[in-house]
Amino acid sequence: MLDLRLYMLQRLSALVMAPFVLVHIGVIIYAIDGGLSAAEILGRTQGSLGWFLFYGTFVLAAGLHGAIGLRVILHEWAGLRGAALSVVSWGIGTCLIALGGRAVFAVTWWAV
């Protein structure tokens, strides 16, 4: 039953991520075409609750999605099972979310 729940959670995280990826790519294209510098981009994102929520949600969805995908890879390729599989895969997912969260925090809340 756990595998079915994780499968469904990974599919749900993919559904959540799809529009975020499209917006993120659009923002990148806009920044490149507009010739924005890093300072100009940070000037627009610093202190923005909207960008914090946008990228924070994106990071959570990506971290969950990645952790579940890595769990399958670790099971099939490394032969991990049981508690070891859970600890390693969720540890990696936690690290991904923590690192992504730190980046989101740096871009949206820290002063330059």
PDB file of N, CA and C in Angstrom:
ATOM      1  N   MET A   1       0.829  -1.199   0.000  1.00  0.00           N
ATOM      2  CA  MET A   1       0.000   0.000   0.000  1.00  0.00           C
ATOM      3  C   MET A   1       0.873   1.264   0.000  1.00  0.00           C
ATOM      4  N   LEU A   2       2.029   1.205   0.695  1.00  0.00           N
ATOM      5  CA  LEU A   2       2.921   2.357   0.743  1.00  0.00           C
ATOM      6  C   LEU A   2       3.417   2.707  -0.656  1.00  0.00           C
ATOM      7  N   ASP A   3       3.760   1.683  -1.433  1.00  0.00           N
ATOM      8  CA  ASP A   3       4.251   1.942  -2.792  1.00  0.00           C
ATOM      9  C   ASP A   3       3.201   2.630  -3.649  1.00  0.00           C
ATOM     10  N   LEU A   4       1.942   2.249  -3.512  1.00  0.00           N
ATOM     11  CA  LEU A   4       0.872   2.890  -4.274  1.00  0.00           C
ATOM     12  C   LEU A   4       0.724   4.349  -3.850  1.00  0.00           C
ATOM     13  N   ARG A   5       0.802   4.603  -2.551  1.00  0.00           N
ATOM     14  CA  ARG A   5       0.707   5.987  -2.066  1.00  0.00           C
ATOM     15  C   ARG A   5       1.868   6.828  -2.569  1.00  0.00           C
ATOM     16  N   LEU A   6       3.077   6.275  -2.539  1.00  0.00           N
ATOM     17  CA  LEU A   6       4.237   7.010  -3.037  1.00  0.00           C
ATOM     18  C   LEU A   6       4.129   7.235  -4.541  1.00  0.00           C
ATOM     19  N   TYR A   7       3.641   6.240  -5.265  1.00  0.00           N
ATOM     20  CA  TYR A   7       3.429   6.380  -6.701  1.00  0.00           C
ATOM     21  C   TYR A   7       2.461   7.533  -6.983  1.00  0.00           C
ATOM     22  N   MET A   8       1.346   7.556  -6.257  1.00  0.00           N
ATOM     23  CA  MET A   8       0.354   8.610  -6.448  1.00  0.00           C
ATOM     24  C   MET A   8       0.903   9.975  -6.028  1.00  0.00           C
ATOM     25  N   LEU A   9       1.684  10.016  -4.937  1.00  0.00           N
ATOM     26  CA  LEU A   9       2.293  11.269  -4.494  1.00  0.00           C
ATOM     27  C   LEU A   9       3.274  11.791  -5.536  1.00  0.00           C
ATOM     28  N   GLN A  10       4.017  10.896  -6.166  1.00  0.00           N
ATOM     29  CA  GLN A  10       4.953  11.344  -7.201  1.00  0.00           C
ATOM     30  C   GLN A  10       4.200  11.894  -8.403  1.00  0.00           C
ATOM     31  N   ARG A  11       3.099  11.273  -8.772  1.00  0.00           N
ATOM     32  CA  ARG A  11       2.309  11.779  -9.886  1.00  0.00           C
ATOM     33  C   ARG A  11       1.677  13.124  -9.540  1.00  0.00           C
ATOM     34  N   LEU A  12       1.213  13.263  -8.307  1.00  0.00           N
ATOM     35  CA  LEU A  12       0.642  14.536  -7.861  1.00  0.00           C
ATOM     36  C   LEU A  12       1.701  15.636  -7.861  1.00  0.00           C
ATOM     37  N   SER A  13       2.913  15.319  -7.384  1.00  0.00           N
ATOM     38  CA  SER A  13       3.976  16.321  -7.382  1.00  0.00           C
ATOM     39  C   SER A  13       4.345  16.729  -8.807  1.00  0.00           C
ATOM     40  N   ALA A  14       4.263  15.791  -9.746  1.00  0.00           N
ATOM     41  CA  ALA A  14       4.528  16.128 -11.153  1.00  0.00           C
ATOM     42  C   ALA A  14       3.463  17.085 -11.682  1.00  0.00           C
ATOM     43  N   LEU A  15       2.207  16.843 -11.303  1.00  0.00           N
ATOM     44  CA  LEU A  15       1.133  17.747 -11.724  1.00  0.00           C
ATOM     45  C   LEU A  15       1.318  19.144 -11.151  1.00  0.00           C
ATOM     46  N   VAL A  16       1.777  19.207  -9.914  1.00  0.00           N
ATOM     47  CA  VAL A  16       2.020  20.508  -9.278  1.00  0.00           C
ATOM     48  C   VAL A  16       3.196  21.208  -9.950  1.00  0.00           C
ATOM     49  N   MET A  17       4.243  20.450 -10.259  1.00  0.00           N
ATOM     50  CA  MET A  17       5.453  21.049 -10.821  1.00  0.00           C
ATOM     51  C   MET A  17       5.293  21.547 -12.249  1.00  0.00           C
ATOM     52  N   ALA A  18       4.443  20.922 -13.038  1.00  0.00           N
ATOM     53  CA  ALA A  18       4.341  21.260 -14.460  1.00  0.00           C
ATOM     54  C   ALA A  18       4.110  22.754 -14.707  1.00  0.00           C
ATOM     55  N   PRO A  19       3.115  23.397 -14.094  1.00  0.00           N
ATOM     56  CA  PRO A  19       2.964  24.836 -14.343  1.00  0.00           C
ATOM     57  C   PRO A  19       4.109  25.661 -13.763  1.00  0.00           C
ATOM     58  N   PHE A  20       4.696  25.195 -12.671  1.00  0.00           N
ATOM     59  CA  PHE A  20       5.826  25.916 -12.084  1.00  0.00           C
ATOM     60  C   PHE A  20       7.017  25.906 -13.033  1.00  0.00           C
ATOM     61  N   VAL A  21       7.260  24.785 -13.679  1.00  0.00           N
ATOM     62  CA  VAL A  21       8.361  24.688 -14.645  1.00  0.00           C
ATOM     63  C   VAL A  21       8.122  25.649 -15.809  1.00  0.00           C
ATOM     64  N   LEU A  22       6.901  25.676 -16.312  1.00  0.00           N
ATOM     65  CA  LEU A  22       6.596  26.576 -17.433  1.00  0.00           C
ATOM     66  C   LEU A  22       6.789  28.040 -17.050  1.00  0.00           C
ATOM     67  N   VAL A  23       6.305  28.431 -15.874  1.00  0.00           N
ATOM     68  CA  VAL A  23       6.486  29.820 -15.423  1.00  0.00           C
ATOM     69  C   VAL A  23       7.967  30.116 -15.214  1.00  0.00           C
ATOM     70  N   HIS A  24       8.688  29.180 -14.607  1.00  0.00           N
ATOM     71  CA  HIS A  24      10.118  29.370 -14.344  1.00  0.00           C
ATOM     72  C   HIS A  24      10.883  29.564 -15.656  1.00  0.00           C
ATOM     73  N   ILE A  25      10.598  28.751 -16.655  1.00  0.00           N
ATOM     74  CA  ILE A  25      11.252  28.899 -17.951  1.00  0.00           C
ATOM     75  C   ILE A  25      10.884  30.239 -18.581  1.00  0.00           C
ATOM     76  N   GLY A  26       9.621  30.628 -18.460  1.00  0.00           N
ATOM     77  CA  GLY A  26       9.197  31.929 -18.969  1.00  0.00           C
ATOM     78  C   GLY A  26       9.932  33.080 -18.308  1.00  0.00           C
ATOM     79  N   VAL A  27      10.125  32.986 -16.998  1.00  0.00           N
ATOM     80  CA  VAL A  27      10.856  34.023 -16.261  1.00  0.00           C
ATOM     81  C   VAL A  27      12.310  34.071 -16.726  1.00  0.00           C
ATOM     82  N   ILE A  28      12.909  32.915 -16.939  1.00  0.00           N
ATOM     83  CA  ILE A  28      14.298  32.868 -17.419  1.00  0.00           C
ATOM     84  C   ILE A  28      14.402  33.536 -18.800  1.00  0.00           C
ATOM     85  N   ILE A  29      13.489  33.188 -19.689  1.00  0.00           N
ATOM     86  CA  ILE A  29      13.513  33.785 -21.028  1.00  0.00           C
ATOM     87  C   ILE A  29      13.321  35.293 -20.952  1.00  0.00           C
ATOM     88  N   TYR A  30      12.391  35.736 -20.120  1.00  0.00           N
ATOM     89  CA  TYR A  30      12.158  37.169 -19.936  1.00  0.00           C
ATOM     90  C   TYR A  30      13.414  37.872 -19.415  1.00  0.00           C
ATOM     91  N   ALA A  31      14.075  37.271 -18.424  1.00  0.00           N
ATOM     92  CA  ALA A  31      15.276  37.881 -17.844  1.00  0.00           C
ATOM     93  C   ALA A  31      16.413  37.938 -18.859  1.00  0.00           C
ATOM     94  N   ILE A  32      16.568  36.889 -19.646  1.00  0.00           N
ATOM     95  CA  ILE A  32      17.648  36.855 -20.633  1.00  0.00           C
ATOM     96  C   ILE A  32      17.374  37.847 -21.762  1.00  0.00           C
ATOM     97  N   ASP A  33      16.149  37.833 -22.285  1.00  0.00           N
ATOM     98  CA  ASP A  33      15.802  38.752 -23.368  1.00  0.00           C
ATOM     99  C   ASP A  33      15.856  40.205 -22.927  1.00  0.00           C
ATOM    100  N   GLY A  34      15.505  40.454 -21.669  1.00  0.00           N
ATOM    101  CA  GLY A  34      15.526  41.813 -21.142  1.00  0.00           C
ATOM    102  C   GLY A  34      16.914  42.267 -20.731  1.00  0.00           C
ATOM    103  N   GLY A  35      17.867  41.348 -20.733  1.00  0.00           N
ATOM    104  CA  GLY A  35      19.227  41.691 -20.346  1.00  0.00           C
ATOM    105  C   GLY A  35      19.356  42.067 -18.880  1.00  0.00           C
ATOM    106  N   LEU A  36      18.531  41.464 -18.027  1.00  0.00           N
ATOM    107  CA  LEU A  36      18.569  41.795 -16.600  1.00  0.00           C
ATOM    108  C   LEU A  36      19.840  41.255 -15.954  1.00  0.00           C
ATOM    109  N   SER A  37      20.421  42.054 -15.086  1.00  0.00           N
ATOM    110  CA  SER A  37      21.585  41.602 -14.331  1.00  0.00           C
ATOM    111  C   SER A  37      21.104  40.866 -13.083  1.00  0.00           C
ATOM    112  N   ALA A  38      22.027  40.185 -12.428  1.00  0.00           N
ATOM    113  CA  ALA A  38      21.682  39.480 -11.188  1.00  0.00           C
ATOM    114  C   ALA A  38      21.155  40.461 -10.150  1.00  0.00           C
ATOM    115  N   ALA A  39      21.758  41.641 -10.068  1.00  0.00           N
ATOM    116  CA  ALA A  39      21.319  42.653  -9.100  1.00  0.00           C
ATOM    117  C   ALA A  39      19.884  43.110  -9.407  1.00  0.00           C
ATOM    118  N   GLU A  40      19.564  43.264 -10.688  1.00  0.00           N
ATOM    119  CA  GLU A  40      18.200  43.671 -11.066  1.00  0.00           C
ATOM    120  C   GLU A  40      17.183  42.575 -10.745  1.00  0.00           C
ATOM    121  N   ILE A  41      17.568  41.333 -10.980  1.00  0.00           N
ATOM    122  CA  ILE A  41      16.671  40.217 -10.669  1.00  0.00           C
ATOM    123  C   ILE A  41      16.434  40.139  -9.170  1.00  0.00           C
ATOM    124  N   LEU A  42      17.508  40.235  -8.383  1.00  0.00           N
ATOM    125  CA  LEU A  42      17.361  40.198  -6.928  1.00  0.00           C
ATOM    126  C   LEU A  42      16.567  41.394  -6.428  1.00  0.00           C
ATOM    127  N   GLY A  43      16.712  42.524  -7.064  1.00  0.00           N
ATOM    128  CA  GLY A  43      15.938  43.702  -6.690  1.00  0.00           C
ATOM    129  C   GLY A  43      14.444  43.485  -6.865  1.00  0.00           C
ATOM    130  N   ARG A  44      14.095  42.645  -7.820  1.00  0.00           N
ATOM    131  CA  ARG A  44      12.674  42.356  -8.055  1.00  0.00           C
ATOM    132  C   ARG A  44      12.150  41.235  -7.169  1.00  0.00           C
ATOM    133  N   THR A  45      13.028  40.361  -6.696  1.00  0.00           N
ATOM    134  CA  THR A  45      12.563  39.217  -5.902  1.00  0.00           C
ATOM    135  C   THR A  45      12.714  39.421  -4.401  1.00  0.00           C
ATOM    136  N   GLN A  46      13.637  40.257  -3.974  1.00  0.00           N
ATOM    137  CA  GLN A  46      13.874  40.478  -2.544  1.00  0.00           C
ATOM    138  C   GLN A  46      12.612  41.004  -1.863  1.00  0.00           C
ATOM    139  N   GLY A  47      12.224  40.374  -0.776  1.00  0.00           N
ATOM    140  CA  GLY A  47      11.074  40.816  -0.008  1.00  0.00           C
ATOM    141  C   GLY A  47       9.737  40.479  -0.637  1.00  0.00           C
ATOM    142  N   SER A  48       9.721  39.648  -1.658  1.00  0.00           N
ATOM    143  CA  SER A  48       8.484  39.317  -2.350  1.00  0.00           C
ATOM    144  C   SER A  48       7.886  38.028  -1.795  1.00  0.00           C
ATOM    145  N   LEU A  49       6.752  38.147  -1.131  1.00  0.00           N
ATOM    146  CA  LEU A  49       6.057  36.980  -0.603  1.00  0.00           C
ATOM    147  C   LEU A  49       5.591  36.081  -1.752  1.00  0.00           C
ATOM    148  N   GLY A  50       5.169  36.687  -2.854  1.00  0.00           N
ATOM    149  CA  GLY A  50       4.707  35.911  -4.003  1.00  0.00           C
ATOM    150  C   GLY A  50       5.781  34.997  -4.561  1.00  0.00           C
ATOM    151  N   TRP A  51       6.983  35.553  -4.789  1.00  0.00           N
ATOM    152  CA  TRP A  51       8.073  34.719  -5.302  1.00  0.00           C
ATOM    153  C   TRP A  51       8.506  33.692  -4.268  1.00  0.00           C
ATOM    154  N   PHE A  52       8.468  34.045  -2.993  1.00  0.00           N
ATOM    155  CA  PHE A  52       8.810  33.096  -1.931  1.00  0.00           C
ATOM    156  C   PHE A  52       7.852  31.906  -1.956  1.00  0.00           C
ATOM    157  N   LEU A  53       6.555  32.175  -2.040  1.00  0.00           N
ATOM    158  CA  LEU A  53       5.566  31.096  -2.070  1.00  0.00           C
ATOM    159  C   LEU A  53       5.667  30.280  -3.356  1.00  0.00           C
ATOM    160  N   PHE A  54       5.879  30.966  -4.479  1.00  0.00           N
ATOM    161  CA  PHE A  54       5.999  30.288  -5.762  1.00  0.00           C
ATOM    162  C   PHE A  54       7.167  29.300  -5.741  1.00  0.00           C
ATOM    163  N   TYR A  55       8.366  29.813  -5.461  1.00  0.00           N
ATOM    164  CA  TYR A  55       9.542  28.944  -5.502  1.00  0.00           C
ATOM    165  C   TYR A  55       9.603  27.995  -4.314  1.00  0.00           C
ATOM    166  N   GLY A  56       9.043  28.371  -3.178  1.00  0.00           N
ATOM    167  CA  GLY A  56       8.976  27.458  -2.037  1.00  0.00           C
ATOM    168  C   GLY A  56       8.123  26.239  -2.350  1.00  0.00           C
ATOM    169  N   THR A  57       6.981  26.455  -2.967  1.00  0.00           N
ATOM    170  CA  THR A  57       6.112  25.346  -3.367  1.00  0.00           C
ATOM    171  C   THR A  57       6.789  24.493  -4.429  1.00  0.00           C
ATOM    172  N   PHE A  58       7.459  25.151  -5.349  1.00  0.00           N
ATOM    173  CA  PHE A  58       8.197  24.455  -6.409  1.00  0.00           C
ATOM    174  C   PHE A  58       9.259  23.542  -5.794  1.00  0.00           C
ATOM    175  N   VAL A  59      10.002  24.050  -4.841  1.00  0.00           N
ATOM    176  CA  VAL A  59      11.057  23.269  -4.188  1.00  0.00           C
ATOM    177  C   VAL A  59      10.475  22.074  -3.435  1.00  0.00           C
ATOM    178  N   LEU A  60       9.389  22.275  -2.715  1.00  0.00           N
ATOM    179  CA  LEU A  60       8.764  21.160  -1.994  1.00  0.00           C
ATOM    180  C   LEU A  60       8.310  20.063  -2.960  1.00  0.00           C
ATOM    181  N   ALA A  61       7.646  20.457  -4.038  1.00  0.00           N
ATOM    182  CA  ALA A  61       7.176  19.475  -5.013  1.00  0.00           C
ATOM    183  C   ALA A  61       8.350  18.746  -5.667  1.00  0.00           C
ATOM    184  N   ALA A  62       9.385  19.487  -6.027  1.00  0.00           N
ATOM    185  CA  ALA A  62      10.552  18.870  -6.679  1.00  0.00           C
ATOM    186  C   ALA A  62      11.295  17.943  -5.724  1.00  0.00           C
ATOM    187  N   GLY A  63      11.424  18.344  -4.466  1.00  0.00           N
ATOM    188  CA  GLY A  63      12.098  17.506  -3.475  1.00  0.00           C
ATOM    189  C   GLY A  63      11.365  16.193  -3.244  1.00  0.00           C
ATOM    190  N   LEU A  64      10.052  16.266  -3.108  1.00  0.00           N
ATOM    191  CA  LEU A  64       9.256  15.043  -2.939  1.00  0.00           C
ATOM    192  C   LEU A  64       9.339  14.166  -4.186  1.00  0.00           C
ATOM    193  N   HIS A  65       9.181  14.778  -5.330  1.00  0.00           N
ATOM    194  CA  HIS A  65       9.221  14.052  -6.599  1.00  0.00           C
ATOM    195  C   HIS A  65      10.571  13.345  -6.763  1.00  0.00           C
ATOM    196  N   GLY A  66      11.639  14.060  -6.498  1.00  0.00           N
ATOM    197  CA  GLY A  66      12.980  13.488  -6.634  1.00  0.00           C
ATOM    198  C   GLY A  66      13.254  12.374  -5.640  1.00  0.00           C
ATOM    199  N   ALA A  67      12.819  12.560  -4.397  1.00  0.00           N
ATOM    200  CA  ALA A  67      13.056  11.545  -3.375  1.00  0.00           C
ATOM    201  C   ALA A  67      12.345  10.241  -3.711  1.00  0.00           C
ATOM    202  N   ILE A  68      11.133  10.351  -4.199  1.00  0.00           N
ATOM    203  CA  ILE A  68      10.381   9.140  -4.547  1.00  0.00           C
ATOM    204  C   ILE A  68      11.009   8.459  -5.758  1.00  0.00           C
ATOM    205  N   GLY A  69      11.430   9.234  -6.749  1.00  0.00           N
ATOM    206  CA  GLY A  69      12.106   8.657  -7.911  1.00  0.00           C
ATOM    207  C   GLY A  69      13.419   7.985  -7.541  1.00  0.00           C
ATOM    208  N   LEU A  70      14.183   8.623  -6.669  1.00  0.00           N
ATOM    209  CA  LEU A  70      15.445   8.025  -6.221  1.00  0.00           C
ATOM    210  C   LEU A  70      15.206   6.759  -5.405  1.00  0.00           C
ATOM    211  N   ARG A  71      14.098   6.716  -4.686  1.00  0.00           N
ATOM    212  CA  ARG A  71      13.761   5.519  -3.915  1.00  0.00           C
ATOM    213  C   ARG A  71      13.636   4.311  -4.851  1.00  0.00           C
ATOM    214  N   VAL A  72      12.971   4.501  -5.978  1.00  0.00           N
ATOM    215  CA  VAL A  72      12.803   3.417  -6.949  1.00  0.00           C
ATOM    216  C   VAL A  72      14.162   3.008  -7.520  1.00  0.00           C
ATOM    217  N   ILE A  73      14.980   3.998  -7.874  1.00  0.00           N
ATOM    218  CA  ILE A  73      16.307   3.709  -8.422  1.00  0.00           C
ATOM    219  C   ILE A  73      17.174   2.978  -7.407  1.00  0.00           C
ATOM    220  N   LEU A  74      17.157   3.429  -6.151  1.00  0.00           N
ATOM    221  CA  LEU A  74      17.944   2.776  -5.106  1.00  0.00           C
ATOM    222  C   LEU A  74      17.479   1.341  -4.871  1.00  0.00           C
ATOM    223  N   HIS A  75      16.195   1.119  -4.966  1.00  0.00           N
ATOM    224  CA  HIS A  75      15.662  -0.234  -4.791  1.00  0.00           C
ATOM    225  C   HIS A  75      16.090  -1.149  -5.942  1.00  0.00           C
ATOM    226  N   GLU A  76      15.958  -0.652  -7.181  1.00  0.00           N
ATOM    227  CA  GLU A  76      16.258  -1.483  -8.343  1.00  0.00           C
ATOM    228  C   GLU A  76      17.754  -1.668  -8.585  1.00  0.00           C
ATOM    229  N   TRP A  77      18.523  -0.612  -8.432  1.00  0.00           N
ATOM    230  CA  TRP A  77      19.937  -0.682  -8.786  1.00  0.00           C
ATOM    231  C   TRP A  77      20.852  -1.017  -7.615  1.00  0.00           C
ATOM    232  N   ALA A  78      20.546  -0.466  -6.440  1.00  0.00           N
ATOM    233  CA  ALA A  78      21.417  -0.698  -5.293  1.00  0.00           C
ATOM    234  C   ALA A  78      20.917  -1.847  -4.422  1.00  0.00           C
ATOM    235  N   GLY A  79      19.704  -2.303  -4.684  1.00  0.00           N
ATOM    236  CA  GLY A  79      19.174  -3.420  -3.913  1.00  0.00           C
ATOM    237  C   GLY A  79      18.771  -3.072  -2.491  1.00  0.00           C
ATOM    238  N   LEU A  80      18.624  -1.780  -2.199  1.00  0.00           N
ATOM    239  CA  LEU A  80      18.211  -1.392  -0.848  1.00  0.00           C
ATOM    240  C   LEU A  80      16.762  -1.783  -0.625  1.00  0.00           C
ATOM    241  N   ARG A  81      16.466  -2.154   0.622  1.00  0.00           N
ATOM    242  CA  ARG A  81      15.113  -2.554   0.979  1.00  0.00           C
ATOM    243  C   ARG A  81      14.801  -2.081   2.397  1.00  0.00           C
ATOM    244  N   GLY A  82      13.539  -2.044   2.708  1.00  0.00           N
ATOM    245  CA  GLY A  82      13.085  -1.786   4.067  1.00  0.00           C
ATOM    246  C   GLY A  82      13.493  -0.426   4.612  1.00  0.00           C
ATOM    247  N   ALA A  83      13.930  -0.439   5.874  1.00  0.00           N
ATOM    248  CA  ALA A  83      14.269   0.802   6.572  1.00  0.00           C
ATOM    249  C   ALA A  83      15.438   1.525   5.920  1.00  0.00           C
ATOM    250  N   ALA A  84      16.420   0.780   5.437  1.00  0.00           N
ATOM    251  CA  ALA A  84      17.581   1.418   4.796  1.00  0.00           C
ATOM    252  C   ALA A  84      17.146   2.206   3.568  1.00  0.00           C
ATOM    253  N   LEU A  85      16.240   1.642   2.795  1.00  0.00           N
ATOM    254  CA  LEU A  85      15.727   2.318   1.610  1.00  0.00           C
ATOM    255  C   LEU A  85      14.997   3.602   1.998  1.00  0.00           C
ATOM    256  N   SER A  86      14.175   3.523   3.009  1.00  0.00           N
ATOM    257  CA  SER A  86      13.431   4.707   3.461  1.00  0.00           C
ATOM    258  C   SER A  86      14.359   5.785   4.000  1.00  0.00           C
ATOM    259  N   VAL A  87      15.301   5.404   4.835  1.00  0.00           N
ATOM    260  CA  VAL A  87      16.207   6.381   5.438  1.00  0.00           C
ATOM    261  C   VAL A  87      17.031   7.098   4.377  1.00  0.00           C
ATOM    262  N   VAL A  88      17.594   6.346   3.437  1.00  0.00           N
ATOM    263  CA  VAL A  88      18.439   6.949   2.405  1.00  0.00           C
ATOM    264  C   VAL A  88      17.618   7.847   1.479  1.00  0.00           C
ATOM    265  N   SER A  89      16.482   7.342   0.995  1.00  0.00           N
ATOM    266  CA  SER A  89      15.705   8.131   0.036  1.00  0.00           C
ATOM    267  C   SER A  89      15.111   9.377   0.680  1.00  0.00           C
ATOM    268  N   TRP A  90      14.571   9.273   1.875  1.00  0.00           N
ATOM    269  CA  TRP A  90      13.994  10.459   2.517  1.00  0.00           C
ATOM    270  C   TRP A  90      15.089  11.391   3.030  1.00  0.00           C
ATOM    271  N   GLY A  91      16.254  10.850   3.352  1.00  0.00           N
ATOM    272  CA  GLY A  91      17.378  11.709   3.717  1.00  0.00           C
ATOM    273  C   GLY A  91      17.811  12.568   2.540  1.00  0.00           C
ATOM    274  N   ILE A  92      17.870  11.948   1.361  1.00  0.00           N
ATOM    275  CA  ILE A  92      18.213  12.700   0.155  1.00  0.00           C
ATOM    276  C   ILE A  92      17.133  13.732  -0.143  1.00  0.00           C
ATOM    277  N   GLY A  93      15.869  13.332  -0.012  1.00  0.00           N
ATOM    278  CA  GLY A  93      14.770  14.274  -0.237  1.00  0.00           C
ATOM    279  C   GLY A  93      14.807  15.449   0.720  1.00  0.00           C
ATOM    280  N   THR A  94      15.116  15.170   1.974  1.00  0.00           N
ATOM    281  CA  THR A  94      15.225  16.239   2.974  1.00  0.00           C
ATOM    282  C   THR A  94      16.353  17.196   2.625  1.00  0.00           C
ATOM    283  N   CYS A  95      17.471  16.648   2.175  1.00  0.00           N
ATOM    284  CA  CYS A  95      18.595  17.504   1.768  1.00  0.00           C
ATOM    285  C   CYS A  95      18.219  18.356   0.559  1.00  0.00           C
ATOM    286  N   LEU A  96      17.537  17.774  -0.412  1.00  0.00           N
ATOM    287  CA  LEU A  96      17.116  18.534  -1.588  1.00  0.00           C
ATOM    288  C   LEU A  96      16.189  19.686  -1.196  1.00  0.00           C
ATOM    289  N   ILE A  97      15.237  19.396  -0.319  1.00  0.00           N
ATOM    290  CA  ILE A  97      14.295  20.432   0.117  1.00  0.00           C
ATOM    291  C   ILE A  97      15.014  21.498   0.936  1.00  0.00           C
ATOM    292  N   ALA A  98      15.939  21.087   1.799  1.00  0.00           N
ATOM    293  CA  ALA A  98      16.677  22.055   2.614  1.00  0.00           C
ATOM    294  C   ALA A  98      17.551  22.962   1.743  1.00  0.00           C
ATOM    295  N   LEU A  99      18.262  22.380   0.795  1.00  0.00           N
ATOM    296  CA  LEU A  99      19.115  23.191  -0.081  1.00  0.00           C
ATOM    297  C   LEU A  99      18.286  24.110  -0.969  1.00  0.00           C
ATOM    298  N   GLY A 100      17.197  23.581  -1.523  1.00  0.00           N
ATOM    299  CA  GLY A 100      16.316  24.414  -2.342  1.00  0.00           C
ATOM    300  C   GLY A 100      15.664  25.513  -1.523  1.00  0.00           C
ATOM    301  N   GLY A 101      15.250  25.180  -0.307  1.00  0.00           N
ATOM    302  CA  GLY A 101      14.652  26.182   0.581  1.00  0.00           C
ATOM    303  C   GLY A 101      15.631  27.282   0.928  1.00  0.00           C
ATOM    304  N   ARG A 102      16.878  26.900   1.133  1.00  0.00           N
ATOM    305  CA  ARG A 102      17.908  27.907   1.429  1.00  0.00           C
ATOM    306  C   ARG A 102      18.087  28.849   0.242  1.00  0.00           C
ATOM    307  N   ALA A 103      18.064  28.301  -0.974  1.00  0.00           N
ATOM    308  CA  ALA A 103      18.188  29.137  -2.171  1.00  0.00           C
ATOM    309  C   ALA A 103      16.987  30.066  -2.308  1.00  0.00           C
ATOM    310  N   VAL A 104      15.792  29.544  -2.065  1.00  0.00           N
ATOM    311  CA  VAL A 104      14.590  30.371  -2.145  1.00  0.00           C
ATOM    312  C   VAL A 104      14.657  31.505  -1.116  1.00  0.00           C
ATOM    313  N   PHE A 105      15.056  31.166   0.081  1.00  0.00           N
ATOM    314  CA  PHE A 105      15.175  32.166   1.141  1.00  0.00           C
ATOM    315  C   PHE A 105      16.197  33.238   0.760  1.00  0.00           C
ATOM    316  N   ALA A 106      17.326  32.802   0.201  1.00  0.00           N
ATOM    317  CA  ALA A 106      18.376  33.758  -0.182  1.00  0.00           C
ATOM    318  C   ALA A 106      17.910  34.716  -1.278  1.00  0.00           C
ATOM    319  N   VAL A 107      17.152  34.208  -2.226  1.00  0.00           N
ATOM    320  CA  VAL A 107      16.725  35.034  -3.353  1.00  0.00           C
ATOM    321  C   VAL A 107      15.562  35.943  -2.987  1.00  0.00           C
ATOM    322  N   THR A 108      14.732  35.537  -2.028  1.00  0.00           N
ATOM    323  CA  THR A 108      13.533  36.323  -1.735  1.00  0.00           C
ATOM    324  C   THR A 108      13.588  37.144  -0.455  1.00  0.00           C
ATOM    325  N   TRP A 109      14.401  36.767   0.520  1.00  0.00           N
ATOM    326  CA  TRP A 109      14.347  37.492   1.803  1.00  0.00           C
ATOM    327  C   TRP A 109      15.654  38.143   2.235  1.00  0.00           C
ATOM    328  N   TRP A 110      16.802  37.588   1.914  1.00  0.00           N
ATOM    329  CA  TRP A 110      18.056  38.182   2.373  1.00  0.00           C
ATOM    330  C   TRP A 110      18.342  39.449   1.601  1.00  0.00           C
ATOM    331  N   ALA A 111      18.851  40.438   2.300  1.00  0.00           N
ATOM    332  CA  ALA A 111      19.256  41.682   1.634  1.00  0.00           C
ATOM    333  C   ALA A 111      20.567  41.464   0.889  1.00  0.00           C
ATOM    334  N   VAL A 112      20.704  42.137  -0.230  1.00  0.00           N
ATOM    335  CA  VAL A 112      21.919  41.998  -1.048  1.00  0.00           C
ATOM    336  C   VAL A 112      23.030  42.812  -0.422  1.00  0.00           C
TER     337      VAL A 112
END
